[in-house]
């Protein structure tokens, strides 16, 4: 598999990892399933270079990403962030009348 920092979302999902994203500025912590992230962001994306920022303080410089396999004590206690659908957003741009 190579070095840990080269771990892909696909490899992590096959292992059964949870991906934990913690903001060291505001201390918000979010748990994802690696399989969900692989489906949304692509299976070859590196786990430790995810394009996230903290939803609470809006910073990305303070994020710490870790992975672990859930154990029996986690079930029923950990709140996972799971995809609930995709929302399309209309984008606008300004341009001169021609």
C-alpha atoms as a PDB file:
ATOM      1  CA  UNK A   1       0.000   0.000   0.000  1.00  0.00           C
ATOM      2  CA  UNK A   2       2.942   2.358   0.457  1.00  0.00           C
ATOM      3  CA  UNK A   3       3.218   5.130   2.967  1.00  0.00           C
ATOM      4  CA  UNK A   4       0.225   6.055   5.107  1.00  0.00           C
ATOM      5  CA  UNK A   5      -0.025   9.576   3.626  1.00  0.00           C
ATOM      6  CA  UNK A   6      -0.511   7.985   0.188  1.00  0.00           C
ATOM      7  CA  UNK A   7      -3.619   6.077   1.336  1.00  0.00           C
ATOM      8  CA  UNK A   8      -6.466   6.540  -1.144  1.00  0.00           C
ATOM      9  CA  UNK A   9     -10.140   6.722  -0.291  1.00  0.00           C
ATOM     10  CA  UNK A  10     -10.650   3.443  -2.147  1.00  0.00           C
ATOM     11  CA  UNK A  11      -7.995   1.661  -0.069  1.00  0.00           C
ATOM     12  CA  UNK A  12      -9.389   3.198   3.099  1.00  0.00           C
ATOM     13  CA  UNK A  13     -12.944   2.146   2.248  1.00  0.00           C
ATOM     14  CA  UNK A  14     -11.829  -1.443   1.574  1.00  0.00           C
ATOM     15  CA  UNK A  15     -10.283  -1.515   5.050  1.00  0.00           C
ATOM     16  CA  UNK A  16     -13.522  -0.139   6.546  1.00  0.00           C
ATOM     17  CA  UNK A  17     -12.134   3.140   7.846  1.00  0.00           C
ATOM     18  CA  UNK A  18     -13.946   6.099   9.265  1.00  0.00           C
ATOM     19  CA  UNK A  19     -12.318   9.389   8.293  1.00  0.00           C
ATOM     20  CA  UNK A  20     -12.215  11.884  11.150  1.00  0.00           C
ATOM     21  CA  UNK A  21     -11.784  15.565  10.316  1.00  0.00           C
ATOM     22  CA  UNK A  22     -11.013  17.744  13.315  1.00  0.00           C
ATOM     23  CA  UNK A  23     -10.517  21.500  13.384  1.00  0.00           C
ATOM     24  CA  UNK A  24      -7.777  22.382  15.831  1.00  0.00           C
ATOM     25  CA  UNK A  25      -8.962  25.999  15.918  1.00  0.00           C
ATOM     26  CA  UNK A  26     -12.606  25.619  16.976  1.00  0.00           C
ATOM     27  CA  UNK A  27     -12.453  21.891  17.919  1.00  0.00           C
ATOM     28  CA  UNK A  28     -15.328  20.800  15.653  1.00  0.00           C
ATOM     29  CA  UNK A  29     -14.982  17.129  14.743  1.00  0.00           C
ATOM     30  CA  UNK A  30     -16.833  15.271  11.986  1.00  0.00           C
ATOM     31  CA  UNK A  31     -16.831  11.541  11.164  1.00  0.00           C
ATOM     32  CA  UNK A  32     -17.284  10.224   7.608  1.00  0.00           C
ATOM     33  CA  UNK A  33     -17.220   6.765   6.107  1.00  0.00           C
ATOM     34  CA  UNK A  34     -14.326   6.454   3.660  1.00  0.00           C
ATOM     35  CA  UNK A  35     -16.675   4.638   1.258  1.00  0.00           C
ATOM     36  CA  UNK A  36     -19.012   7.669   1.146  1.00  0.00           C
ATOM     37  CA  UNK A  37     -16.117  10.046   0.475  1.00  0.00           C
ATOM     38  CA  UNK A  38     -14.731   7.749  -2.239  1.00  0.00           C
ATOM     39  CA  UNK A  39     -18.073   7.812  -4.023  1.00  0.00           C
ATOM     40  CA  UNK A  40     -18.351  11.612  -3.844  1.00  0.00           C
ATOM     41  CA  UNK A  41     -14.729  12.716  -4.285  1.00  0.00           C
ATOM     42  CA  UNK A  42     -13.303   9.862  -6.343  1.00  0.00           C
ATOM     43  CA  UNK A  43     -11.655   6.609  -5.260  1.00  0.00           C
ATOM     44  CA  UNK A  44      -8.093   7.718  -6.080  1.00  0.00           C
ATOM     45  CA  UNK A  45      -8.176  10.875  -3.955  1.00  0.00           C
ATOM     46  CA  UNK A  46      -5.669  10.788  -1.121  1.00  0.00           C
ATOM     47  CA  UNK A  47      -7.267  10.529   2.325  1.00  0.00           C
ATOM     48  CA  UNK A  48      -4.913  13.048   3.896  1.00  0.00           C
ATOM     49  CA  UNK A  49      -5.409  15.731   1.234  1.00  0.00           C
ATOM     50  CA  UNK A  50      -9.177  16.123   1.231  1.00  0.00           C
ATOM     51  CA  UNK A  51     -10.642  19.445   0.018  1.00  0.00           C
ATOM     52  CA  UNK A  52     -12.366  20.378   3.270  1.00  0.00           C
ATOM     53  CA  UNK A  53     -12.699  23.420   5.436  1.00  0.00           C
ATOM     54  CA  UNK A  54     -14.321  23.699   8.827  1.00  0.00           C
ATOM     55  CA  UNK A  55     -18.028  24.458   8.589  1.00  0.00           C
ATOM     56  CA  UNK A  56     -17.978  26.241  11.927  1.00  0.00           C
ATOM     57  CA  UNK A  57     -15.012  28.623  11.603  1.00  0.00           C
ATOM     58  CA  UNK A  58     -14.617  28.339   7.773  1.00  0.00           C
ATOM     59  CA  UNK A  59     -10.835  27.720   8.031  1.00  0.00           C
ATOM     60  CA  UNK A  60      -8.906  24.920   6.350  1.00  0.00           C
ATOM     61  CA  UNK A  61      -5.440  25.603   7.775  1.00  0.00           C
ATOM     62  CA  UNK A  62      -6.209  23.975  11.130  1.00  0.00           C
ATOM     63  CA  UNK A  63      -7.740  20.681   9.981  1.00  0.00           C
ATOM     64  CA  UNK A  64      -6.317  17.386  11.146  1.00  0.00           C
ATOM     65  CA  UNK A  65      -7.440  14.300   9.228  1.00  0.00           C
ATOM     66  CA  UNK A  66      -7.160  10.829  10.727  1.00  0.00           C
ATOM     67  CA  UNK A  67      -8.586   7.387  10.006  1.00  0.00           C
ATOM     68  CA  UNK A  68      -9.564   4.454  12.146  1.00  0.00           C
ATOM     69  CA  UNK A  69     -11.648   1.322  12.065  1.00  0.00           C
ATOM     70  CA  UNK A  70     -14.792   1.601  14.183  1.00  0.00           C
ATOM     71  CA  UNK A  71     -14.900  -0.824  17.094  1.00  0.00           C
ATOM     72  CA  UNK A  72     -17.874  -2.281  18.955  1.00  0.00           C
ATOM     73  CA  UNK A  73     -17.995   0.648  21.422  1.00  0.00           C
ATOM     74  CA  UNK A  74     -18.520   3.120  18.564  1.00  0.00           C
ATOM     75  CA  UNK A  75     -21.801   1.699  17.283  1.00  0.00           C
ATOM     76  CA  UNK A  76     -24.772   3.733  18.448  1.00  0.00           C
ATOM     77  CA  UNK A  77     -22.522   6.504  19.794  1.00  0.00           C
ATOM     78  CA  UNK A  78     -20.636   8.083  16.899  1.00  0.00           C
ATOM     79  CA  UNK A  79     -22.577  10.455  14.662  1.00  0.00           C
ATOM     80  CA  UNK A  80     -21.589   9.977  11.030  1.00  0.00           C
ATOM     81  CA  UNK A  81     -21.954  12.600   8.348  1.00  0.00           C
ATOM     82  CA  UNK A  82     -23.554  10.756   5.406  1.00  0.00           C
ATOM     83  CA  UNK A  83     -24.642  11.977   1.968  1.00  0.00           C
ATOM     84  CA  UNK A  84     -28.326  12.867   1.838  1.00  0.00           C
ATOM     85  CA  UNK A  85     -28.509  13.943  -1.787  1.00  0.00           C
ATOM     86  CA  UNK A  86     -26.944  16.423  -4.147  1.00  0.00           C
ATOM     87  CA  UNK A  87     -28.263  19.951  -4.451  1.00  0.00           C
ATOM     88  CA  UNK A  88     -27.738  21.785  -7.724  1.00  0.00           C
ATOM     89  CA  UNK A  89     -26.851  25.444  -7.434  1.00  0.00           C
ATOM     90  CA  UNK A  90     -27.336  27.896 -10.262  1.00  0.00           C
ATOM     91  CA  UNK A  91     -24.240  30.001 -10.838  1.00  0.00           C
ATOM     92  CA  UNK A  92     -24.385  33.523 -12.225  1.00  0.00           C
ATOM     93  CA  UNK A  93     -21.749  35.705 -13.815  1.00  0.00           C
ATOM     94  CA  UNK A  94     -21.640  39.315 -14.849  1.00  0.00           C
ATOM     95  CA  UNK A  95     -20.795  40.191 -18.448  1.00  0.00           C
ATOM     96  CA  UNK A  96     -21.105  43.150 -20.778  1.00  0.00           C
ATOM     97  CA  UNK A  97     -23.999  43.379 -23.214  1.00  0.00           C
ATOM     98  CA  UNK A  98     -22.713  42.723 -26.727  1.00  0.00           C
END
